[in-house]
Amino acid sequence: MSRNSQDEMYQDWSLILKVVRETEAELPGVAPYLAALDQSHGRTLSCRIRRDGLVAASQEATRQLNEALGAGQEAASALRSYIKSVLGYRNEKLVRYGIKPVRKRRRAVPPKPPCSCRFVS
């Protein structure tokens, strides 16, 4: 594949097809080459149109997916809140639903002071 972008290639093909059709009489035996490029040109055009349609469909599907995910997050949050209101915020049964209950804070255990004993040998 050459270094040209797809658009540049397509424009180049369009130009050469136009010019060769205008001067076909000056180029004996060009018909099979012209037909091959014309066929590739047409296929390329239909593929580009199809690709652009798929890109648009993909973007729309992504938008719809994001909306559905947002609605699902809101529904899950509302359900968790309801479960907490029914069972209570401290109930250990909340763990079944993947919710952390509010627990009492543990006291921090003070570190033991280093032993100041010296062993004499």
Protein backbone atom coordinates (compact mmCIF):
# COMPACT_ATOMS: atom_id res chain seq x y z
CA MET A 1 0.00 0.00 0.00
CA SER A 2 1.33 3.42 -0.87
CA ARG A 3 1.84 6.26 1.56
CA ASN A 4 -1.27 8.07 0.30
CA SER A 5 -4.34 8.24 2.46
CA GLN A 6 -7.49 6.50 1.31
CA ASP A 7 -9.09 9.81 0.35
CA GLU A 8 -6.10 10.81 -1.75
CA MET A 9 -6.12 7.44 -3.48
CA TYR A 10 -9.83 7.69 -4.21
CA GLN A 11 -9.47 11.22 -5.59
CA ASP A 12 -6.52 10.11 -7.71
CA TRP A 13 -8.57 7.24 -9.15
CA SER A 14 -11.48 9.57 -9.88
CA LEU A 15 -9.20 11.95 -11.74
CA ILE A 16 -7.48 9.30 -13.82
CA LEU A 17 -10.80 7.66 -14.68
CA LYS A 18 -12.22 10.99 -15.85
CA VAL A 19 -9.18 11.84 -17.97
CA VAL A 20 -8.87 8.36 -19.51
CA ARG A 21 -12.58 8.35 -20.44
CA GLU A 22 -12.10 11.68 -22.21
CA THR A 23 -9.01 10.47 -24.09
CA GLU A 24 -9.87 6.80 -24.52
CA ALA A 25 -9.49 7.06 -28.31
CA GLU A 26 -5.82 8.02 -27.91
CA LEU A 27 -5.04 4.95 -25.78
CA PRO A 28 -5.65 1.74 -27.73
CA GLY A 29 -6.18 -1.33 -25.52
CA VAL A 30 -6.93 0.68 -22.36
CA ALA A 31 -10.46 -0.72 -21.98
CA PRO A 32 -9.62 -3.69 -19.68
CA TYR A 33 -7.54 -1.49 -17.37
CA LEU A 34 -10.18 1.19 -17.34
CA ALA A 35 -12.85 -1.39 -16.54
CA ALA A 36 -10.78 -2.87 -13.68
CA LEU A 37 -10.14 0.52 -12.10
CA ASP A 38 -13.74 1.57 -12.63
CA GLN A 39 -14.92 -1.59 -10.85
CA SER A 40 -12.51 -1.02 -7.93
CA HIS A 41 -13.54 2.63 -7.77
CA GLY A 42 -17.22 1.67 -7.53
CA ARG A 43 -16.57 -1.00 -4.91
CA THR A 44 -14.50 1.45 -2.90
CA LEU A 45 -17.29 4.00 -3.00
CA SER A 46 -19.90 1.49 -1.81
CA CYS A 47 -17.59 0.27 0.97
CA ARG A 48 -16.93 3.83 2.15
CA ILE A 49 -20.66 4.58 2.22
CA ARG A 50 -21.27 1.37 4.18
CA ARG A 51 -18.43 2.14 6.61
CA ASP A 52 -19.72 5.66 7.23
CA GLY A 53 -23.17 4.25 7.95
CA LEU A 54 -21.72 1.72 10.37
CA VAL A 55 -19.71 4.42 12.15
CA ALA A 56 -22.87 6.48 12.59
CA ALA A 57 -24.77 3.42 13.83
CA SER A 58 -21.96 2.61 16.25
CA GLN A 59 -21.99 6.14 17.64
CA GLU A 60 -25.76 5.97 18.11
CA ALA A 61 -25.48 2.58 19.82
CA THR A 62 -22.80 3.98 22.15
CA ARG A 63 -25.05 6.93 23.04
CA GLN A 64 -27.94 4.58 23.80
CA LEU A 65 -25.66 2.30 25.83
CA ASN A 66 -24.45 5.24 27.93
CA GLU A 67 -28.05 6.32 28.57
CA ALA A 68 -28.98 2.77 29.63
CA LEU A 69 -25.94 2.55 31.92
CA GLY A 70 -26.83 5.88 33.54
CA ALA A 71 -30.43 4.80 34.12
CA GLY A 72 -29.18 1.50 35.54
CA GLN A 73 -26.83 3.26 37.95
CA GLU A 74 -29.65 5.44 39.21
CA ALA A 75 -31.94 2.42 39.63
CA ALA A 76 -29.25 0.45 41.48
CA SER A 77 -28.56 3.38 43.77
CA ALA A 78 -32.28 3.77 44.53
CA LEU A 79 -32.57 0.03 45.24
CA ARG A 80 -29.58 0.09 47.58
CA SER A 81 -31.06 3.07 49.42
CA TYR A 82 -34.36 1.26 49.77
CA ILE A 83 -32.68 -1.88 51.11
CA LYS A 84 -30.76 0.22 53.65
CA SER A 85 -33.97 1.96 54.73
CA VAL A 86 -35.76 -1.36 55.23
CA LEU A 87 -32.95 -3.28 56.95
CA GLY A 88 -31.19 -0.37 58.60
CA TYR A 89 -27.76 1.04 57.94
CA ARG A 90 -26.06 -1.11 60.60
CA ASN A 91 -27.63 -4.48 59.75
CA GLU A 92 -25.08 -7.15 58.80
CA LYS A 93 -27.55 -8.62 56.30
CA LEU A 94 -26.60 -5.73 54.00
CA VAL A 95 -23.45 -7.68 53.13
CA ARG A 96 -25.64 -10.14 51.15
CA TYR A 97 -26.55 -7.32 48.81
CA GLY A 98 -23.00 -6.08 48.39
CA ILE A 99 -23.57 -3.12 50.72
CA LYS A 100 -21.20 -2.34 53.57
CA PRO A 101 -23.08 -1.80 56.81
CA VAL A 102 -22.12 1.08 59.06
CA ARG A 103 -20.02 -0.43 61.82
CA LYS A 104 -18.63 0.93 65.03
CA ARG A 105 -15.17 2.30 64.73
CA ARG A 106 -12.48 0.27 66.41
CA ARG A 107 -10.25 1.98 68.84
CA ALA A 108 -6.74 2.34 67.71
CA VAL A 109 -4.51 0.16 69.83
CA PRO A 110 -1.65 2.28 71.10
CA PRO A 111 1.72 0.91 70.06
CA LYS A 112 3.67 -0.87 72.75
CA PRO A 113 6.56 1.18 74.01
CA PRO A 114 9.94 -0.28 73.21
CA CYS A 115 11.40 -2.36 75.96
CA SER A 116 13.90 -0.33 77.92
CA CYS A 117 15.35 -3.39 79.55
CA ARG A 118 19.00 -4.06 79.02
CA PHE A 119 20.35 -7.47 79.29
CA VAL A 120 23.64 -7.63 81.08
CA SER A 121 25.81 -10.51 80.23
